[in-house]
Structure formats: structure tokens, C-alpha cells
Amino acid sequence: MNGRNLIYYASFTGNTELVAKVIEEVFEEADWENDIVKVGRDFDPKHHEIDFLSYDFICVGSPVLWHVPFDPLLWGIRTVSHRVEYGSMKTGPKRGLAFATYGGAHFGEHEADAALILLELAYEHLGFKSVGKIAVPGKVSHRGMKDWYFPDMHTRPNHNDLDRVRAMTIEAIAVV
């Protein structure tokens, strides 16, 4: 085994879960031990048993909701970071990867920027050095619109999107 990896994510329409599964496959192929925690709408960020600090690598993902990640998912990390001494917040050697799925109707990948930065900052407060960010378009309905940034949004994430997730995850693991 190369180490322990946590895939911690929220998904409501299945888009982010598809990305999480690809990331899991890549880590398994690279001989990492994986734990997966899917956060639902009923998740209580103040009362959970997730020991983020016991992992060598964490992958944190969320759908983008009005340009930010799912709030309880973010606060699940923040409640732990508030217990970490401020002098010990230097990043490394542990690593982190942020991923987000977004509707893409307006600005394309740029729609996920704020969410990805917030996810990174959350795990960096725990001492994990960010080694990547992945933004993936995901369908928000079963119809596409000609004037959307991605007119084929109803078919996303597609094989090309997931192949890109695979390649970017392989790159992130190589940084370790």
C-alpha cells in the first residue's frame, strides 16, 4: 500500500459521485487504501467521526451551489481545523485534491473557481498541501440550451470529462 486516501464528497444529482468513483479507481490502481464518505443533506458537520488527520491524501469534492461548495461538507472539515493549533498549519507532506461539478450554463469552468478554492483552503488548514483542482461540467437538467456555455450540458459529464479526471488524478498522485 502507498498510503491512506479519503474521498470526502457530496453529490445530489450523481455528477460529483461519478467523478469520485473515477478518482477512487485511480487510487486503487495505484495501490492506495481508500475510504469514501458521501455527505448528504442530513450531515451534521459538528458531530461526525471522520478523522481527516489520519490520512496521507484527501480528495474533497462538491457540486457547485451558487459558486460555492455544499456548506455542511465544508464545515465538516472546518470543525476539525478549529481544533488544530495555528502554528501547526504548515502544509505537507500530506496532499489534497479538490474536485467540483458545476452546471456550466453561464461561464464554463470558471463557475467552479470559488468552490475549488474554498475546498482547498479547508484542507490546507489541516496541513494538506494541494496538488490539484478538477472542475467537471455536470448536467442540471435533461435538456441543453443553444445559448448555454456548454450547449451539450445534458450529456455531461461524458467520457472525455471522466478521462480528464483520470489523467489529472494520476498527475496529482505522482506529486506524492
N, C-alpha and C. Protein backbone atom coordinates (compact mmCIF):
# COMPACT_ATOMS: atom_id res chain seq x y z
N MET A 1 0.82 -1.20 0.00
CA MET A 1 0.00 0.00 0.00
C MET A 1 0.86 1.25 0.00
N ASN A 2 0.43 2.24 -0.77
CA ASN A 2 1.15 3.51 -0.83
C ASN A 2 0.74 4.47 0.27
N GLY A 3 -0.40 4.25 0.90
CA GLY A 3 -0.87 5.13 1.94
C GLY A 3 -2.38 5.09 2.02
N ARG A 4 -2.92 5.93 2.88
CA ARG A 4 -4.37 6.01 3.08
C ARG A 4 -4.93 7.26 2.42
N ASN A 5 -6.02 7.07 1.69
CA ASN A 5 -6.67 8.16 0.99
C ASN A 5 -8.14 8.24 1.42
N LEU A 6 -8.61 9.45 1.64
CA LEU A 6 -10.02 9.69 1.92
C LEU A 6 -10.64 10.43 0.76
N ILE A 7 -11.75 9.92 0.26
CA ILE A 7 -12.55 10.64 -0.74
C ILE A 7 -13.81 11.08 0.00
N TYR A 8 -13.90 12.38 0.22
CA TYR A 8 -14.95 13.00 1.04
C TYR A 8 -15.71 13.94 0.11
N TYR A 9 -16.99 13.64 -0.12
CA TYR A 9 -17.70 14.42 -1.13
C TYR A 9 -19.20 14.47 -0.87
N ALA A 10 -19.85 15.38 -1.55
CA ALA A 10 -21.31 15.48 -1.58
C ALA A 10 -21.74 15.35 -3.04
N SER A 11 -22.89 14.74 -3.25
CA SER A 11 -23.44 14.64 -4.60
C SER A 11 -24.95 14.51 -4.48
N PHE A 12 -25.66 15.30 -5.27
CA PHE A 12 -27.12 15.27 -5.20
C PHE A 12 -27.76 14.76 -6.48
N THR A 13 -27.10 14.97 -7.62
CA THR A 13 -27.66 14.51 -8.89
C THR A 13 -26.85 13.38 -9.51
N GLY A 14 -25.76 12.99 -8.85
CA GLY A 14 -24.93 11.90 -9.35
C GLY A 14 -23.68 12.35 -10.10
N ASN A 15 -23.59 13.62 -10.47
CA ASN A 15 -22.43 14.10 -11.22
C ASN A 15 -21.15 14.00 -10.40
N THR A 16 -21.17 14.52 -9.18
CA THR A 16 -19.97 14.51 -8.34
C THR A 16 -19.62 13.08 -7.94
N GLU A 17 -20.63 12.25 -7.76
CA GLU A 17 -20.37 10.85 -7.42
C GLU A 17 -19.64 10.13 -8.55
N LEU A 18 -19.99 10.42 -9.81
CA LEU A 18 -19.27 9.84 -10.95
C LEU A 18 -17.78 10.20 -10.90
N VAL A 19 -17.51 11.45 -10.60
CA VAL A 19 -16.12 11.91 -10.51
C VAL A 19 -15.42 11.21 -9.34
N ALA A 20 -16.08 11.11 -8.20
CA ALA A 20 -15.50 10.45 -7.03
C ALA A 20 -15.14 9.00 -7.34
N LYS A 21 -15.98 8.31 -8.10
CA LYS A 21 -15.72 6.91 -8.44
C LYS A 21 -14.50 6.77 -9.34
N VAL A 22 -14.33 7.69 -10.28
CA VAL A 22 -13.14 7.66 -11.14
C VAL A 22 -11.89 7.89 -10.29
N ILE A 23 -11.95 8.85 -9.39
CA ILE A 23 -10.81 9.13 -8.50
C ILE A 23 -10.50 7.90 -7.66
N GLU A 24 -11.52 7.24 -7.14
CA GLU A 24 -11.32 6.02 -6.36
C GLU A 24 -10.61 4.95 -7.18
N GLU A 25 -11.06 4.75 -8.41
CA GLU A 25 -10.44 3.75 -9.29
C GLU A 25 -8.95 4.03 -9.50
N VAL A 26 -8.62 5.28 -9.73
CA VAL A 26 -7.22 5.65 -9.97
C VAL A 26 -6.38 5.36 -8.73
N PHE A 27 -6.88 5.72 -7.55
CA PHE A 27 -6.13 5.45 -6.32
C PHE A 27 -6.00 3.95 -6.07
N GLU A 28 -7.04 3.18 -6.36
CA GLU A 28 -6.95 1.72 -6.20
C GLU A 28 -5.91 1.13 -7.13
N GLU A 29 -5.91 1.59 -8.38
CA GLU A 29 -4.92 1.11 -9.36
C GLU A 29 -3.50 1.45 -8.93
N ALA A 30 -3.34 2.55 -8.18
CA ALA A 30 -2.02 2.97 -7.69
C ALA A 30 -1.71 2.36 -6.31
N ASP A 31 -2.54 1.41 -5.87
CA ASP A 31 -2.32 0.65 -4.64
C ASP A 31 -2.42 1.50 -3.37
N TRP A 32 -3.44 2.34 -3.33
CA TRP A 32 -3.75 3.12 -2.13
C TRP A 32 -4.96 2.50 -1.44
N GLU A 33 -4.99 2.58 -0.13
CA GLU A 33 -6.16 2.20 0.65
C GLU A 33 -7.12 3.39 0.62
N ASN A 34 -8.38 3.14 0.28
CA ASN A 34 -9.37 4.22 0.14
C ASN A 34 -10.50 4.08 1.13
N ASP A 35 -10.89 5.18 1.70
CA ASP A 35 -12.14 5.29 2.44
C ASP A 35 -12.97 6.34 1.73
N ILE A 36 -14.27 6.08 1.63
CA ILE A 36 -15.15 7.02 0.94
C ILE A 36 -16.26 7.44 1.90
N VAL A 37 -16.43 8.76 2.00
CA VAL A 37 -17.51 9.31 2.81
C VAL A 37 -18.33 10.23 1.93
N LYS A 38 -19.59 9.85 1.71
CA LYS A 38 -20.52 10.69 0.96
C LYS A 38 -21.37 11.46 1.96
N VAL A 39 -21.33 12.76 1.86
CA VAL A 39 -22.07 13.65 2.76
C VAL A 39 -23.42 13.96 2.14
N GLY A 40 -24.48 13.74 2.89
CA GLY A 40 -25.82 14.02 2.41
C GLY A 40 -26.39 15.28 3.04
N ARG A 41 -27.60 15.60 2.67
CA ARG A 41 -28.25 16.80 3.18
C ARG A 41 -28.46 16.75 4.70
N ASP A 42 -28.46 15.54 5.27
CA ASP A 42 -28.68 15.39 6.71
C ASP A 42 -27.38 15.34 7.51
N PHE A 43 -26.24 15.57 6.87
CA PHE A 43 -24.94 15.52 7.53
C PHE A 43 -24.82 16.64 8.56
N ASP A 44 -24.37 16.28 9.75
CA ASP A 44 -24.17 17.27 10.82
C ASP A 44 -22.67 17.54 10.94
N PRO A 45 -22.19 18.67 10.45
CA PRO A 45 -20.75 18.93 10.43
C PRO A 45 -20.11 19.05 11.81
N LYS A 46 -20.90 19.27 12.83
CA LYS A 46 -20.34 19.41 14.17
C LYS A 46 -20.23 18.07 14.90
N HIS A 47 -20.89 17.05 14.39
CA HIS A 47 -20.90 15.75 15.06
C HIS A 47 -20.64 14.64 14.04
N HIS A 48 -19.39 14.41 13.75
CA HIS A 48 -19.04 13.32 12.84
C HIS A 48 -17.78 12.63 13.36
N GLU A 49 -17.52 11.46 12.81
CA GLU A 49 -16.40 10.63 13.28
C GLU A 49 -15.25 10.58 12.27
N ILE A 50 -15.20 11.51 11.35
CA ILE A 50 -14.16 11.47 10.30
C ILE A 50 -12.86 12.01 10.87
N ASP A 51 -11.83 11.18 10.82
CA ASP A 51 -10.51 11.58 11.32
C ASP A 51 -9.63 11.97 10.13
N PHE A 52 -9.85 13.17 9.61
CA PHE A 52 -9.12 13.63 8.43
C PHE A 52 -7.61 13.52 8.61
N LEU A 53 -7.14 13.78 9.79
CA LEU A 53 -5.69 13.81 10.03
C LEU A 53 -5.03 12.43 9.98
N SER A 54 -5.82 11.37 9.94
CA SER A 54 -5.25 10.02 9.87
C SER A 54 -4.92 9.60 8.44
N TYR A 55 -5.20 10.47 7.48
CA TYR A 55 -4.98 10.14 6.07
C TYR A 55 -3.72 10.81 5.53
N ASP A 56 -3.15 10.17 4.51
CA ASP A 56 -1.98 10.71 3.82
C ASP A 56 -2.40 11.62 2.66
N PHE A 57 -3.60 11.37 2.15
CA PHE A 57 -4.11 12.11 0.99
C PHE A 57 -5.61 12.25 1.20
N ILE A 58 -6.16 13.41 0.88
CA ILE A 58 -7.62 13.55 0.89
C ILE A 58 -8.08 14.21 -0.41
N CYS A 59 -9.18 13.69 -0.92
CA CYS A 59 -9.83 14.23 -2.11
C CYS A 59 -11.19 14.74 -1.66
N VAL A 60 -11.43 16.02 -1.84
CA VAL A 60 -12.65 16.65 -1.35
C VAL A 60 -13.43 17.21 -2.53
N GLY A 61 -14.69 16.77 -2.67
CA GLY A 61 -15.47 17.19 -3.82
C GLY A 61 -16.88 17.59 -3.49
N SER A 62 -17.41 18.49 -4.31
CA SER A 62 -18.75 19.01 -4.08
C SER A 62 -19.37 19.50 -5.38
N PRO A 63 -20.69 19.45 -5.45
CA PRO A 63 -21.33 20.20 -6.53
C PRO A 63 -21.19 21.69 -6.21
N VAL A 64 -21.19 22.50 -7.23
CA VAL A 64 -21.13 23.94 -7.03
C VAL A 64 -22.56 24.46 -6.90
N LEU A 65 -22.81 25.11 -5.78
CA LEU A 65 -24.13 25.65 -5.48
C LEU A 65 -23.99 27.16 -5.34
N TRP A 66 -24.42 27.90 -6.33
CA TRP A 66 -24.25 29.36 -6.34
C TRP A 66 -22.79 29.74 -6.11
N HIS A 67 -21.91 29.09 -6.82
CA HIS A 67 -20.47 29.36 -6.87
C HIS A 67 -19.68 28.86 -5.65
N VAL A 68 -20.32 28.19 -4.70
CA VAL A 68 -19.61 27.68 -3.52
C VAL A 68 -19.93 26.20 -3.33
N PRO A 69 -19.10 25.49 -2.55
CA PRO A 69 -19.38 24.08 -2.28
C PRO A 69 -20.53 23.92 -1.28
N PHE A 70 -21.01 22.70 -1.15
CA PHE A 70 -22.05 22.36 -0.18
C PHE A 70 -21.56 22.70 1.21
N ASP A 71 -22.26 23.59 1.88
CA ASP A 71 -21.81 24.16 3.15
C ASP A 71 -21.52 23.12 4.25
N PRO A 72 -22.40 22.16 4.53
CA PRO A 72 -22.08 21.18 5.57
C PRO A 72 -20.81 20.38 5.29
N LEU A 73 -20.54 20.08 4.01
CA LEU A 73 -19.31 19.38 3.66
C LEU A 73 -18.10 20.22 4.07
N LEU A 74 -18.12 21.48 3.73
CA LEU A 74 -17.04 22.40 4.07
C LEU A 74 -16.88 22.52 5.58
N TRP A 75 -18.00 22.67 6.29
CA TRP A 75 -17.92 22.82 7.75
C TRP A 75 -17.50 21.53 8.44
N GLY A 76 -17.68 20.39 7.79
CA GLY A 76 -17.18 19.14 8.35
C GLY A 76 -15.67 19.17 8.51
N ILE A 77 -14.98 19.82 7.57
CA ILE A 77 -13.53 19.99 7.67
C ILE A 77 -13.19 21.13 8.62
N ARG A 78 -13.92 22.22 8.51
CA ARG A 78 -13.62 23.39 9.34
C ARG A 78 -13.75 23.10 10.83
N THR A 79 -14.69 22.25 11.23
CA THR A 79 -14.82 21.94 12.66
C THR A 79 -13.58 21.24 13.17
N VAL A 80 -12.93 20.46 12.33
CA VAL A 80 -11.68 19.80 12.72
C VAL A 80 -10.54 20.81 12.71
N SER A 81 -10.49 21.68 11.70
CA SER A 81 -9.38 22.63 11.60
C SER A 81 -9.37 23.62 12.76
N HIS A 82 -10.52 23.87 13.35
CA HIS A 82 -10.57 24.78 14.50
C HIS A 82 -9.91 24.17 15.73
N ARG A 83 -9.70 22.84 15.69
CA ARG A 83 -9.04 22.18 16.81
C ARG A 83 -7.54 22.00 16.57
N VAL A 84 -7.06 22.39 15.39
CA VAL A 84 -5.64 22.27 15.06
C VAL A 84 -4.94 23.55 15.50
N GLU A 85 -3.80 23.40 16.15
CA GLU A 85 -3.07 24.59 16.60
C GLU A 85 -2.61 25.40 15.40
N TYR A 86 -2.75 26.72 15.50
CA TYR A 86 -2.42 27.59 14.38
C TYR A 86 -0.96 27.48 13.96
N GLY A 87 -0.06 27.28 14.86
CA GLY A 87 1.34 27.17 14.49
C GLY A 87 1.66 25.91 13.72
N SER A 88 0.72 24.93 13.73
CA SER A 88 0.98 23.66 13.06
C SER A 88 0.32 23.56 11.69
N MET A 89 -0.11 24.67 11.13
CA MET A 89 -0.85 24.63 9.87
C MET A 89 0.02 24.63 8.62
N LYS A 90 1.29 24.39 8.75
CA LYS A 90 2.13 24.33 7.55
C LYS A 90 1.72 23.10 6.73
N THR A 91 1.64 23.28 5.41
CA THR A 91 1.20 22.18 4.57
C THR A 91 2.33 21.22 4.26
N GLY A 92 1.95 19.97 4.04
CA GLY A 92 2.87 18.91 3.65
C GLY A 92 3.33 18.11 4.84
N PRO A 93 3.75 16.88 4.63
CA PRO A 93 3.86 16.15 3.37
C PRO A 93 2.54 15.55 2.88
N LYS A 94 1.48 15.67 3.67
CA LYS A 94 0.18 15.15 3.23
C LYS A 94 -0.33 15.99 2.06
N ARG A 95 -1.13 15.35 1.20
CA ARG A 95 -1.57 16.01 -0.03
C ARG A 95 -3.09 16.01 -0.13
N GLY A 96 -3.62 16.97 -0.89
CA GLY A 96 -5.06 17.07 -1.11
C GLY A 96 -5.39 17.41 -2.54
N LEU A 97 -6.57 16.98 -2.96
CA LEU A 97 -7.08 17.23 -4.30
C LEU A 97 -8.52 17.71 -4.16
N ALA A 98 -8.84 18.84 -4.76
CA ALA A 98 -10.21 19.37 -4.73
C ALA A 98 -10.88 19.08 -6.07
N PHE A 99 -12.15 18.68 -6.01
CA PHE A 99 -12.90 18.49 -7.25
C PHE A 99 -14.32 19.01 -7.08
N ALA A 100 -14.86 19.52 -8.19
CA ALA A 100 -16.20 20.08 -8.15
C ALA A 100 -16.89 19.86 -9.49
N THR A 101 -18.19 19.69 -9.42
CA THR A 101 -19.00 19.64 -10.63
C THR A 101 -19.88 20.89 -10.64
N TYR A 102 -20.12 21.41 -11.83
CA TYR A 102 -20.82 22.68 -11.97
C TYR A 102 -21.76 22.63 -13.16
N GLY A 103 -22.77 23.48 -13.13
CA GLY A 103 -23.79 23.50 -14.18
C GLY A 103 -23.30 23.98 -15.52
N GLY A 104 -22.41 24.94 -15.54
CA GLY A 104 -21.80 25.38 -16.79
C GLY A 104 -22.69 26.14 -17.75
N ALA A 105 -23.83 26.59 -17.32
CA ALA A 105 -24.72 27.29 -18.24
C ALA A 105 -24.22 28.69 -18.57
N HIS A 106 -23.46 29.30 -17.67
CA HIS A 106 -23.11 30.71 -17.83
C HIS A 106 -21.66 30.96 -18.22
N PHE A 107 -20.71 30.52 -17.40
CA PHE A 107 -19.32 30.91 -17.60
C PHE A 107 -18.36 29.74 -17.81
N GLY A 108 -18.86 28.54 -17.89
CA GLY A 108 -17.98 27.39 -18.07
C GLY A 108 -17.22 27.06 -16.79
N GLU A 109 -16.02 26.55 -16.97
CA GLU A 109 -15.22 26.06 -15.84
C GLU A 109 -14.99 27.13 -14.77
N HIS A 110 -15.00 28.37 -15.18
CA HIS A 110 -14.80 29.49 -14.25
C HIS A 110 -15.85 29.48 -13.13
N GLU A 111 -17.02 28.89 -13.40
CA GLU A 111 -18.09 28.83 -12.39
C GLU A 111 -17.66 28.06 -11.14
N ALA A 112 -16.67 27.20 -11.26
CA ALA A 112 -16.24 26.35 -10.13
C ALA A 112 -15.06 26.95 -9.35
N ASP A 113 -14.49 28.04 -9.82
CA ASP A 113 -13.27 28.58 -9.19
C ASP A 113 -13.40 28.83 -7.69
N ALA A 114 -14.42 29.55 -7.28
CA ALA A 114 -14.56 29.89 -5.86
C ALA A 114 -14.75 28.63 -5.01
N ALA A 115 -15.56 27.70 -5.49
CA ALA A 115 -15.79 26.47 -4.74
C ALA A 115 -14.50 25.68 -4.56
N LEU A 116 -13.72 25.57 -5.62
CA LEU A 116 -12.46 24.82 -5.54
C LEU A 116 -11.48 25.47 -4.57
N ILE A 117 -11.41 26.79 -4.60
CA ILE A 117 -10.51 27.49 -3.67
C ILE A 117 -10.95 27.27 -2.23
N LEU A 118 -12.25 27.35 -1.96
CA LEU A 118 -12.74 27.13 -0.60
C LEU A 118 -12.45 25.70 -0.12
N LEU A 119 -12.61 24.72 -1.01
CA LEU A 119 -12.29 23.33 -0.64
C LEU A 119 -10.81 23.19 -0.32
N GLU A 120 -9.96 23.78 -1.17
CA GLU A 120 -8.50 23.75 -0.93
C GLU A 120 -8.15 24.37 0.41
N LEU A 121 -8.67 25.55 0.66
CA LEU A 121 -8.35 26.24 1.91
C LEU A 121 -8.77 25.43 3.13
N ALA A 122 -9.89 24.75 3.02
CA ALA A 122 -10.38 23.95 4.16
C ALA A 122 -9.37 22.86 4.50
N TYR A 123 -8.91 22.08 3.50
CA TYR A 123 -7.98 21.01 3.86
C TYR A 123 -6.56 21.51 4.07
N GLU A 124 -6.21 22.64 3.49
CA GLU A 124 -4.88 23.20 3.79
C GLU A 124 -4.79 23.64 5.25
N HIS A 125 -5.92 24.04 5.85
CA HIS A 125 -5.92 24.36 7.28
C HIS A 125 -5.60 23.14 8.14
N LEU A 126 -5.77 21.96 7.57
CA LEU A 126 -5.43 20.73 8.29
C LEU A 126 -3.99 20.28 8.00
N GLY A 127 -3.28 21.02 7.16
CA GLY A 127 -1.90 20.69 6.85
C GLY A 127 -1.71 19.92 5.56
N PHE A 128 -2.76 19.76 4.77
CA PHE A 128 -2.65 19.05 3.49
C PHE A 128 -2.27 20.04 2.40
N LYS A 129 -1.23 19.73 1.66
CA LYS A 129 -0.79 20.59 0.55
C LYS A 129 -1.61 20.24 -0.69
N SER A 130 -2.18 21.24 -1.32
CA SER A 130 -2.99 21.00 -2.50
C SER A 130 -2.10 20.66 -3.70
N VAL A 131 -2.46 19.57 -4.36
CA VAL A 131 -1.71 19.15 -5.55
C VAL A 131 -2.59 19.13 -6.79
N GLY A 132 -3.80 19.69 -6.67
CA GLY A 132 -4.63 19.76 -7.86
C GLY A 132 -6.05 20.18 -7.57
N LYS A 133 -6.67 20.69 -8.64
CA LYS A 133 -8.08 21.07 -8.62
C LYS A 133 -8.69 20.57 -9.93
N ILE A 134 -9.85 19.96 -9.82
CA ILE A 134 -10.53 19.43 -11.00
C ILE A 134 -11.95 19.98 -11.04
N ALA A 135 -12.30 20.64 -12.13
CA ALA A 135 -13.66 21.14 -12.34
C ALA A 135 -14.27 20.37 -13.51
N VAL A 136 -15.47 19.84 -13.29
CA VAL A 136 -16.12 19.00 -14.30
C VAL A 136 -17.55 19.48 -14.52
N PRO A 137 -17.94 19.72 -15.78
CA PRO A 137 -19.32 20.11 -16.03
C PRO A 137 -20.26 18.94 -15.77
N GLY A 138 -21.44 19.24 -15.23
CA GLY A 138 -22.42 18.20 -14.94
C GLY A 138 -23.82 18.67 -15.27
N LYS A 139 -24.62 17.76 -15.76
CA LYS A 139 -25.97 18.12 -16.18
C LYS A 139 -26.78 18.65 -15.01
N VAL A 140 -27.59 19.63 -15.31
CA VAL A 140 -28.50 20.20 -14.32
C VAL A 140 -29.95 19.90 -14.69
N SER A 141 -30.15 19.42 -15.90
CA SER A 141 -31.48 19.01 -16.35
C SER A 141 -31.28 18.08 -17.55
N HIS A 142 -32.35 17.61 -18.10
CA HIS A 142 -32.25 16.69 -19.24
C HIS A 142 -32.29 17.42 -20.58
N ARG A 143 -32.19 18.73 -20.53
CA ARG A 143 -32.20 19.48 -21.78
C ARG A 143 -31.00 20.41 -21.84
N GLY A 144 -30.54 20.62 -23.03
CA GLY A 144 -29.49 21.59 -23.26
C GLY A 144 -30.10 22.82 -23.91
N MET A 145 -29.40 23.91 -23.82
CA MET A 145 -29.87 25.14 -24.43
C MET A 145 -28.78 25.65 -25.36
N LYS A 146 -29.17 26.11 -26.53
CA LYS A 146 -28.19 26.58 -27.50
C LYS A 146 -27.34 27.73 -26.99
N ASP A 147 -27.90 28.55 -26.10
CA ASP A 147 -27.15 29.72 -25.64
C ASP A 147 -26.37 29.45 -24.35
N TRP A 148 -26.37 28.21 -23.84
CA TRP A 148 -25.55 27.88 -22.67
C TRP A 148 -24.09 27.82 -23.07
N TYR A 149 -23.22 28.03 -22.11
CA TYR A 149 -21.78 27.94 -22.37
C TYR A 149 -21.45 26.58 -22.97
N PHE A 150 -22.02 25.51 -22.38
CA PHE A 150 -21.90 24.16 -22.92
C PHE A 150 -23.28 23.74 -23.41
N PRO A 151 -23.58 23.87 -24.69
CA PRO A 151 -24.92 23.52 -25.17
C PRO A 151 -25.26 22.03 -25.00
N ASP A 152 -24.22 21.19 -24.80
CA ASP A 152 -24.44 19.76 -24.62
C ASP A 152 -24.46 19.37 -23.13
N MET A 153 -24.76 20.33 -22.26
CA MET A 153 -24.68 20.11 -20.82
C MET A 153 -25.48 18.89 -20.36
N HIS A 154 -26.58 18.60 -21.03
CA HIS A 154 -27.42 17.47 -20.62
C HIS A 154 -26.73 16.12 -20.79
N THR A 155 -25.58 16.10 -21.45
CA THR A 155 -24.83 14.84 -21.64
C THR A 155 -23.57 14.77 -20.78
N ARG A 156 -23.36 15.73 -19.89
CA ARG A 156 -22.13 15.82 -19.10
C ARG A 156 -22.36 15.33 -17.68
N PRO A 157 -21.34 14.84 -16.99
CA PRO A 157 -20.00 14.58 -17.51
C PRO A 157 -20.02 13.40 -18.47
N ASN A 158 -19.24 13.53 -19.53
CA ASN A 158 -19.16 12.49 -20.54
C ASN A 158 -17.82 11.74 -20.43
N HIS A 159 -17.56 10.83 -21.34
CA HIS A 159 -16.33 10.04 -21.29
C HIS A 159 -15.08 10.91 -21.35
N ASN A 160 -15.10 11.95 -22.17
CA ASN A 160 -13.94 12.84 -22.24
C ASN A 160 -13.69 13.55 -20.92
N ASP A 161 -14.77 14.00 -20.27
CA ASP A 161 -14.64 14.66 -18.96
C ASP A 161 -14.03 13.69 -17.94
N LEU A 162 -14.54 12.46 -17.91
CA LEU A 162 -14.06 11.49 -16.93
C LEU A 162 -12.64 11.02 -17.24
N ASP A 163 -12.28 10.96 -18.53
CA ASP A 163 -10.89 10.64 -18.89
C ASP A 163 -9.95 11.74 -18.40
N ARG A 164 -10.40 12.99 -18.46
CA ARG A 164 -9.60 14.12 -17.96
C ARG A 164 -9.45 14.03 -16.45
N VAL A 165 -10.51 13.63 -15.75
CA VAL A 165 -10.44 13.42 -14.30
C VAL A 165 -9.39 12.36 -13.98
N ARG A 166 -9.44 11.26 -14.73
CA ARG A 166 -8.47 10.17 -14.54
C ARG A 166 -7.04 10.69 -14.70
N ALA A 167 -6.78 11.40 -15.80
CA ALA A 167 -5.43 11.90 -16.08
C ALA A 167 -4.96 12.89 -15.00
N MET A 168 -5.86 13.78 -14.58
CA MET A 168 -5.47 14.77 -13.57
C MET A 168 -5.24 14.12 -12.21
N THR A 169 -5.99 13.06 -11.91
CA THR A 169 -5.78 12.35 -10.64
C THR A 169 -4.45 11.61 -10.67
N ILE A 170 -4.13 11.00 -11.78
CA ILE A 170 -2.82 10.33 -11.92
C ILE A 170 -1.69 11.34 -11.70
N GLU A 171 -1.84 12.53 -12.29
CA GLU A 171 -0.83 13.59 -12.08
C GLU A 171 -0.72 13.98 -10.62
N ALA A 172 -1.85 14.11 -9.94
CA ALA A 172 -1.85 14.50 -8.53
C ALA A 172 -1.17 13.45 -7.67
N ILE A 173 -1.44 12.19 -7.94
CA ILE A 173 -0.81 11.11 -7.17
C ILE A 173 0.70 11.12 -7.40
N ALA A 174 1.13 11.44 -8.60
CA ALA A 174 2.57 11.44 -8.93
C ALA A 174 3.34 12.47 -8.14
N VAL A 175 2.64 13.51 -7.66
CA VAL A 175 3.31 14.56 -6.89
C VAL A 175 3.73 14.04 -5.52
N VAL A 176 3.06 13.00 -5.04
CA VAL A 176 3.33 12.48 -3.69
C VAL A 176 4.74 11.95 -3.57
